[in-house]
C-alpha atoms as a PDB file:
ATOM      1  CA  MET A   1      -4.813 -10.985   5.215  1.00  0.00           C
ATOM      2  CA  PRO A   2      -3.122  -7.731   4.161  1.00  0.00           C
ATOM      3  CA  HIS A   3      -2.756  -5.298   7.036  1.00  0.00           C
ATOM      4  CA  VAL A   4      -1.781  -1.678   7.546  1.00  0.00           C
ATOM      5  CA  PRO A   5       0.427  -0.929  10.574  1.00  0.00           C
ATOM      6  CA  PRO A   6      -1.167   1.855  12.661  1.00  0.00           C
ATOM      7  CA  HIS A   7       2.072   3.899  12.681  1.00  0.00           C
ATOM      8  CA  PHE A   8       2.529   3.552   8.885  1.00  0.00           C
ATOM      9  CA  PRO A   9      -0.796   4.397   7.200  1.00  0.00           C
ATOM     10  CA  ASN A  10       0.935   4.443   3.789  1.00  0.00           C
ATOM     11  CA  LEU A  11       2.070   0.804   4.095  1.00  0.00           C
ATOM     12  CA  THR A  12       0.208  -2.425   3.283  1.00  0.00           C
ATOM     13  CA  ILE A  13       1.931  -5.655   4.318  1.00  0.00           C
ATOM     14  CA  LEU A  14       0.903  -8.649   2.201  1.00  0.00           C
ATOM     15  CA  ASP A  15       1.264 -11.534   4.624  1.00  0.00           C
ATOM     16  CA  HIS A  16      -0.378 -14.219   2.494  1.00  0.00           C
ATOM     17  CA  PRO A  17       1.106 -17.586   3.527  1.00  0.00           C
ATOM     18  CA  VAL A  18       2.359 -18.393   0.006  1.00  0.00           C
ATOM     19  CA  ILE A  19       4.106 -15.018  -0.238  1.00  0.00           C
ATOM     20  CA  GLN A  20       5.659 -15.512   3.184  1.00  0.00           C
ATOM     21  CA  ASP A  21       6.843 -19.009   2.269  1.00  0.00           C
ATOM     22  CA  ARG A  22       8.617 -17.669  -0.826  1.00  0.00           C
ATOM     23  CA  LEU A  23      10.042 -14.742   1.140  1.00  0.00           C
ATOM     24  CA  THR A  24      11.567 -17.093   3.711  1.00  0.00           C
ATOM     25  CA  ARG A  25      13.256 -19.072   0.946  1.00  0.00           C
ATOM     26  CA  ILE A  26      14.512 -15.923  -0.758  1.00  0.00           C
ATOM     27  CA  ARG A  27      16.107 -14.639   2.475  1.00  0.00           C
ATOM     28  CA  ASP A  28      18.218 -17.817   2.756  1.00  0.00           C
ATOM     29  CA  GLU A  29      21.817 -17.015   1.820  1.00  0.00           C
ATOM     30  CA  SER A  30      22.188 -20.452   0.216  1.00  0.00           C
ATOM     31  CA  THR A  31      19.521 -19.671  -2.415  1.00  0.00           C
ATOM     32  CA  PRO A  32      21.361 -19.388  -5.773  1.00  0.00           C
ATOM     33  CA  PRO A  33      20.599 -16.590  -8.281  1.00  0.00           C
ATOM     34  CA  GLN A  34      18.443 -18.705 -10.606  1.00  0.00           C
ATOM     35  CA  ARG A  35      16.198 -19.829  -7.743  1.00  0.00           C
ATOM     36  CA  PHE A  36      16.221 -16.329  -6.248  1.00  0.00           C
ATOM     37  CA  ARG A  37      14.941 -14.915  -9.551  1.00  0.00           C
ATOM     38  CA  ARG A  38      12.215 -17.542  -9.838  1.00  0.00           C
ATOM     39  CA  LEU A  39      11.009 -16.934  -6.267  1.00  0.00           C
ATOM     40  CA  LEU A  40      11.059 -13.184  -6.804  1.00  0.00           C
ATOM     41  CA  ASP A  41       8.925 -13.606  -9.938  1.00  0.00           C
ATOM     42  CA  GLU A  42       6.427 -15.661  -7.950  1.00  0.00           C
ATOM     43  CA  ILE A  43       6.235 -13.142  -5.106  1.00  0.00           C
ATOM     44  CA  ALA A  44       5.845 -10.199  -7.492  1.00  0.00           C
ATOM     45  CA  GLY A  45       3.038 -11.952  -9.352  1.00  0.00           C
ATOM     46  CA  LEU A  46       1.214 -12.819  -6.140  1.00  0.00           C
ATOM     47  CA  MET A  47       1.550  -9.263  -4.854  1.00  0.00           C
ATOM     48  CA  THR A  48       0.126  -7.840  -8.081  1.00  0.00           C
ATOM     49  CA  PHE A  49      -3.386  -9.128  -7.372  1.00  0.00           C
ATOM     50  CA  ARG A  50      -3.646  -7.026  -4.208  1.00  0.00           C
ATOM     51  CA  VAL A  51      -1.806  -3.989  -5.550  1.00  0.00           C
ATOM     52  CA  CYS A  52      -4.235  -3.763  -8.482  1.00  0.00           C
ATOM     53  CA  HIS A  53      -7.434  -4.538  -6.604  1.00  0.00           C
ATOM     54  CA  ASP A  54      -8.967  -1.111  -7.255  1.00  0.00           C
ATOM     55  CA  LEU A  55      -7.754  -0.255 -10.750  1.00  0.00           C
ATOM     56  CA  PRO A  56     -10.400   1.633 -12.754  1.00  0.00           C
ATOM     57  CA  THR A  57     -12.455  -0.482 -15.141  1.00  0.00           C
ATOM     58  CA  ARG A  58     -15.085   0.065 -17.832  1.00  0.00           C
ATOM     59  CA  GLU A  59     -18.068  -1.995 -18.931  1.00  0.00           C
ATOM     60  CA  VAL A  60     -17.749  -3.944 -22.177  1.00  0.00           C
ATOM     61  CA  SER A  61     -19.774  -6.450 -24.154  1.00  0.00           C
ATOM     62  CA  VAL A  62     -18.277  -9.578 -25.662  1.00  0.00           C
ATOM     63  CA  THR A  63     -19.737 -12.318 -27.806  1.00  0.00           C
ATOM     64  CA  THR A  64     -19.360 -15.781 -26.332  1.00  0.00           C
ATOM     65  CA  PRO A  65     -19.895 -18.930 -28.434  1.00  0.00           C
ATOM     66  CA  LEU A  66     -23.514 -18.839 -27.197  1.00  0.00           C
ATOM     67  CA  GLU A  67     -24.577 -15.225 -26.663  1.00  0.00           C
ATOM     68  CA  THR A  68     -23.528 -11.708 -25.698  1.00  0.00           C
ATOM     69  CA  ALA A  69     -22.118 -11.236 -22.211  1.00  0.00           C
ATOM     70  CA  GLU A  70     -21.457  -8.111 -20.191  1.00  0.00           C
ATOM     71  CA  GLY A  71     -18.088  -7.719 -18.510  1.00  0.00           C
ATOM     72  CA  THR A  72     -15.386  -5.291 -17.536  1.00  0.00           C
ATOM     73  CA  SER A  73     -11.937  -4.417 -18.812  1.00  0.00           C
ATOM     74  CA  LEU A  74      -9.168  -2.243 -17.470  1.00  0.00           C
ATOM     75  CA  GLN A  75      -9.932   1.341 -18.380  1.00  0.00           C
ATOM     76  CA  LEU A  76      -6.501   2.967 -18.464  1.00  0.00           C
ATOM     77  CA  PRO A  77      -2.992   1.960 -19.572  1.00  0.00           C
ATOM     78  CA  ILE A  78      -0.758   0.652 -16.782  1.00  0.00           C
ATOM     79  CA  THR A  79       2.950   1.433 -16.648  1.00  0.00           C
ATOM     80  CA  LEU A  80       5.573  -0.398 -14.621  1.00  0.00           C
ATOM     81  CA  VAL A  81       8.610   1.635 -13.636  1.00  0.00           C
ATOM     82  CA  PRO A  82      11.354  -0.550 -12.160  1.00  0.00           C
ATOM     83  CA  ILE A  83      14.153   1.338 -10.446  1.00  0.00           C
ATOM     84  CA  LEU A  84      17.299  -0.031 -12.065  1.00  0.00           C
ATOM     85  CA  ARG A  85      18.859  -2.366 -11.580  1.00  0.00           C
ATOM     86  CA  ALA A  86      17.213  -4.464  -8.876  1.00  0.00           C
ATOM     87  CA  GLY A  87      13.683  -3.428  -9.861  1.00  0.00           C
ATOM     88  CA  ILE A  88      14.099  -5.400 -13.087  1.00  0.00           C
ATOM     89  CA  GLY A  89      14.015  -8.551 -10.953  1.00  0.00           C
ATOM     90  CA  MET A  90      10.322  -8.050 -10.119  1.00  0.00           C
ATOM     91  CA  THR A  91       9.164  -6.903 -13.558  1.00  0.00           C
ATOM     92  CA  ASP A  92       8.642 -10.302 -15.202  1.00  0.00           C
ATOM     93  CA  GLY A  93       6.494 -11.514 -12.311  1.00  0.00           C
ATOM     94  CA  ILE A  94       4.237  -8.484 -12.573  1.00  0.00           C
ATOM     95  CA  LEU A  95       4.095  -8.705 -16.368  1.00  0.00           C
ATOM     96  CA  SER A  96       2.948 -12.317 -16.081  1.00  0.00           C
ATOM     97  CA  MET A  97      -0.212 -10.909 -14.449  1.00  0.00           C
ATOM     98  CA  LEU A  98      -0.385  -7.694 -16.527  1.00  0.00           C
ATOM     99  CA  PRO A  99       1.119  -8.539 -19.933  1.00  0.00           C
ATOM    100  CA  GLU A 100      -0.501  -5.463 -21.491  1.00  0.00           C
ATOM    101  CA  ALA A 101       1.418  -3.081 -19.205  1.00  0.00           C
ATOM    102  CA  ARG A 102       4.111  -0.791 -20.613  1.00  0.00           C
ATOM    103  CA  VAL A 103       7.522  -0.660 -18.940  1.00  0.00           C
ATOM    104  CA  GLY A 104       9.400   2.551 -18.272  1.00  0.00           C
ATOM    105  CA  HIS A 105      12.902   2.555 -16.810  1.00  0.00           C
ATOM    106  CA  LEU A 106      14.512   4.779 -14.210  1.00  0.00           C
ATOM    107  CA  GLY A 107      18.184   4.355 -13.405  1.00  0.00           C
ATOM    108  CA  VAL A 108      19.133   5.463  -9.894  1.00  0.00           C
ATOM    109  CA  TYR A 109      21.926   4.227  -7.663  1.00  0.00           C
ATOM    110  CA  ARG A 110      22.778   5.046  -4.055  1.00  0.00           C
ATOM    111  CA  ASP A 111      26.101   6.773  -3.468  1.00  0.00           C
ATOM    112  CA  GLU A 112      27.909   4.533  -0.978  1.00  0.00           C
ATOM    113  CA  GLU A 113      29.479   7.482   0.857  1.00  0.00           C
ATOM    114  CA  THR A 114      26.531   9.865   1.066  1.00  0.00           C
ATOM    115  CA  SER A 115      23.647   7.353   0.709  1.00  0.00           C
ATOM    116  CA  GLN A 116      22.045   9.891  -1.660  1.00  0.00           C
ATOM    117  CA  PRO A 117      20.321   8.868  -4.928  1.00  0.00           C
ATOM    118  CA  VAL A 118      22.247   9.467  -8.147  1.00  0.00           C
ATOM    119  CA  PRO A 119      20.198   9.318 -11.396  1.00  0.00           C
ATOM    120  CA  TYR A 120      21.741   8.044 -14.634  1.00  0.00           C
ATOM    121  CA  TYR A 121      18.912   6.966 -16.983  1.00  0.00           C
ATOM    122  CA  GLN A 122      15.232   7.642 -17.697  1.00  0.00           C
ATOM    123  CA  LYS A 123      12.940   6.329 -20.461  1.00  0.00           C
ATOM    124  CA  MET A 124       9.163   6.523 -20.101  1.00  0.00           C
ATOM    125  CA  PRO A 125       6.056   6.173 -22.285  1.00  0.00           C
ATOM    126  CA  PRO A 126       5.089   9.665 -23.499  1.00  0.00           C
ATOM    127  CA  ASP A 127       1.554   9.291 -22.078  1.00  0.00           C
ATOM    128  CA  ILE A 128       2.591   7.737 -18.760  1.00  0.00           C
ATOM    129  CA  ALA A 129       0.351  10.137 -16.817  1.00  0.00           C
ATOM    130  CA  ARG A 130      -2.811   8.705 -18.452  1.00  0.00           C
ATOM    131  CA  GLY A 131      -3.010   5.699 -16.166  1.00  0.00           C
ATOM    132  CA  PRO A 132      -1.757   4.004 -13.022  1.00  0.00           C
ATOM    133  CA  VAL A 133       1.988   3.725 -12.448  1.00  0.00           C
ATOM    134  CA  LEU A 134       3.592   0.914 -10.449  1.00  0.00           C
ATOM    135  CA  VAL A 135       7.067   1.887  -9.234  1.00  0.00           C
ATOM    136  CA  VAL A 136       9.042  -1.244  -8.423  1.00  0.00           C
ATOM    137  CA  ASP A 137      12.114  -1.764  -6.231  1.00  0.00           C
ATOM    138  CA  PRO A 138      12.729  -4.884  -4.106  1.00  0.00           C
ATOM    139  CA  MET A 139      14.366  -3.041  -1.190  1.00  0.00           C
ATOM    140  CA  LEU A 140      13.137   0.149   0.493  1.00  0.00           C
ATOM    141  CA  ALA A 141      16.013   1.070   2.815  1.00  0.00           C
ATOM    142  CA  THR A 142      16.580   4.800   3.417  1.00  0.00           C
ATOM    143  CA  GLY A 143      13.860   5.668   0.932  1.00  0.00           C
ATOM    144  CA  GLY A 144      16.069   8.130  -0.934  1.00  0.00           C
ATOM    145  CA  SER A 145      15.944   6.416  -4.323  1.00  0.00           C
ATOM    146  CA  ALA A 146      12.223   5.680  -3.986  1.00  0.00           C
ATOM    147  CA  ALA A 147      11.400   9.284  -3.064  1.00  0.00           C
ATOM    148  CA  PHE A 148      13.488  10.485  -6.008  1.00  0.00           C
ATOM    149  CA  ALA A 149      11.609   8.122  -8.354  1.00  0.00           C
ATOM    150  CA  LEU A 150       8.242   9.313  -7.059  1.00  0.00           C
ATOM    151  CA  ASP A 151       9.361  12.914  -7.529  1.00  0.00           C
ATOM    152  CA  ARG A 152      10.130  12.116 -11.175  1.00  0.00           C
ATOM    153  CA  MET A 153       6.760  10.445 -11.701  1.00  0.00           C
ATOM    154  CA  LYS A 154       4.919  13.466 -10.345  1.00  0.00           C
ATOM    155  CA  GLU A 155       7.032  15.796 -12.489  1.00  0.00           C
ATOM    156  CA  LEU A 156       5.691  13.799 -15.466  1.00  0.00           C
ATOM    157  CA  GLY A 157       2.128  14.469 -14.305  1.00  0.00           C
ATOM    158  CA  CYS A 158       1.392  11.038 -12.781  1.00  0.00           C
ATOM    159  CA  SER A 159      -1.194  11.034  -9.995  1.00  0.00           C
ATOM    160  CA  ASN A 160      -2.162   7.365  -9.541  1.00  0.00           C
ATOM    161  CA  ILE A 161       1.139   5.935  -8.279  1.00  0.00           C
ATOM    162  CA  ARG A 162       1.779   2.798  -6.218  1.00  0.00           C
ATOM    163  CA  MET A 163       5.097   1.548  -4.844  1.00  0.00           C
ATOM    164  CA  ILE A 164       5.836  -2.191  -4.778  1.00  0.00           C
ATOM    165  CA  CYS A 165       8.706  -3.519  -2.647  1.00  0.00           C
ATOM    166  CA  LEU A 166       9.751  -6.940  -1.420  1.00  0.00           C
ATOM    167  CA  VAL A 167      11.159  -5.831   1.946  1.00  0.00           C
ATOM    168  CA  VAL A 168      11.074  -2.414   3.623  1.00  0.00           C
ATOM    169  CA  ALA A 169      12.773  -0.778   6.605  1.00  0.00           C
ATOM    170  CA  PRO A 170      10.902   1.552   8.987  1.00  0.00           C
ATOM    171  CA  GLU A 171      13.244   4.385   8.064  1.00  0.00           C
ATOM    172  CA  GLY A 172      12.365   4.131   4.383  1.00  0.00           C
ATOM    173  CA  VAL A 173       8.635   3.929   5.008  1.00  0.00           C
ATOM    174  CA  THR A 174       8.863   6.999   7.252  1.00  0.00           C
ATOM    175  CA  HIS A 175      10.759   8.894   4.544  1.00  0.00           C
ATOM    176  CA  LEU A 176       8.051   8.150   1.959  1.00  0.00           C
ATOM    177  CA  LEU A 177       5.262   8.950   4.406  1.00  0.00           C
ATOM    178  CA  GLU A 178       6.798  12.397   4.892  1.00  0.00           C
ATOM    179  CA  ALA A 179       7.750  13.015   1.245  1.00  0.00           C
ATOM    180  CA  HIS A 180       4.841  11.324  -0.565  1.00  0.00           C
ATOM    181  CA  PRO A 181       1.996  10.566   1.876  1.00  0.00           C
ATOM    182  CA  ASP A 182      -0.401  10.055  -1.052  1.00  0.00           C
ATOM    183  CA  VAL A 183       1.547   7.094  -2.500  1.00  0.00           C
ATOM    184  CA  PRO A 184       0.644   3.668  -1.060  1.00  0.00           C
ATOM    185  CA  VAL A 185       3.508   1.248  -0.479  1.00  0.00           C
ATOM    186  CA  TYR A 186       2.979  -2.517  -0.754  1.00  0.00           C
ATOM    187  CA  THR A 187       5.469  -4.977   0.709  1.00  0.00           C
ATOM    188  CA  ALA A 188       5.899  -8.580   1.788  1.00  0.00           C
ATOM    189  CA  ALA A 189       7.736  -7.637   4.998  1.00  0.00           C
ATOM    190  CA  LEU A 190       8.463  -4.714   7.304  1.00  0.00           C
ATOM    191  CA  ASP A 191      11.897  -5.545   8.688  1.00  0.00           C
ATOM    192  CA  ARG A 192      13.483  -4.382  11.943  1.00  0.00           C
ATOM    193  CA  CYS A 193      15.816  -1.524  11.026  1.00  0.00           C
ATOM    194  CA  LEU A 194      18.753  -0.244   9.005  1.00  0.00           C
ATOM    195  CA  ASP A 195      22.296  -0.946  10.186  1.00  0.00           C
ATOM    196  CA  GLU A 196      25.220   1.490  10.218  1.00  0.00           C
ATOM    197  CA  ASN A 197      25.773   0.833   6.488  1.00  0.00           C
ATOM    198  CA  ASN A 198      22.075   1.442   5.644  1.00  0.00           C
ATOM    199  CA  TYR A 199      21.408  -2.232   4.920  1.00  0.00           C
ATOM    200  CA  ILE A 200      18.041  -3.635   5.928  1.00  0.00           C
ATOM    201  CA  ARG A 201      18.137  -6.023   8.890  1.00  0.00           C
ATOM    202  CA  PRO A 202      17.469  -8.918   8.821  1.00  0.00           C
ATOM    203  CA  GLY A 203      16.923  -8.254   5.122  1.00  0.00           C
ATOM    204  CA  LEU A 204      18.247 -10.543   2.422  1.00  0.00           C
ATOM    205  CA  GLY A 205      21.500  -8.897   1.374  1.00  0.00           C
ATOM    206  CA  ASP A 206      21.934  -6.836  -1.784  1.00  0.00           C
ATOM    207  CA  ALA A 207      18.945  -7.730  -3.973  1.00  0.00           C
ATOM    208  CA  GLY A 208      20.663  -6.673  -7.209  1.00  0.00           C
ATOM    209  CA  ASP A 209      23.719  -8.810  -6.507  1.00  0.00           C
ATOM    210  CA  ARG A 210      21.568 -11.807  -5.585  1.00  0.00           C
ATOM    211  CA  ILE A 211      19.388 -11.426  -8.685  1.00  0.00           C
ATOM    212  CA  PHE A 212      22.276 -11.130 -11.134  1.00  0.00           C
ATOM    213  CA  GLY A 213      24.992 -13.126  -9.354  1.00  0.00           C
ATOM    214  CA  THR A 214      27.308 -10.141  -8.937  1.00  0.00           C
ATOM    215  CA  GLN A 215      29.216  -8.669  -6.007  1.00  0.00           C
END
């Protein structure tokens, strides 16, 4: 069952056994990029069900082959905002569950010397603030890039924002709790710590490199 650590009220850990099985395989350094991408798609899709459990809906009527039936449909447009480049790796899995969602893009990289976020690209739907926004990044390490992305979303008027990550470090969760306590963070794992190079331990290496087969 999903659980919220008492010291991180902004964090929900999705410890479903299927998600955890895929996460274990994705951590393995011998997993090649094509399998890594497939597993990441599966995890992202599985996580989507929980992340979207309380999206606003409206009542609708449809005509079945036999009669009229009452039902519900999603009320507001959903926008995915992957943080480039690694966030792209989770987008297809989420879109498999929410094919009607729009996709914005936010390019941010971490300066290797200062560990500070450096923006380089932004493209969003003009009415992004109308509905829920899912900000996506596999790794939440220091939290700098994520906090920057959430700042940008709020500058655009967004109020219903959720953060989806594969693996998080305590330092990153703490940063977001201080900077954006109103934004829930969903993850498959809360790892031990950051090392001296700000890599998550035990982690899974550089998610972008493993997704795209780069170094």
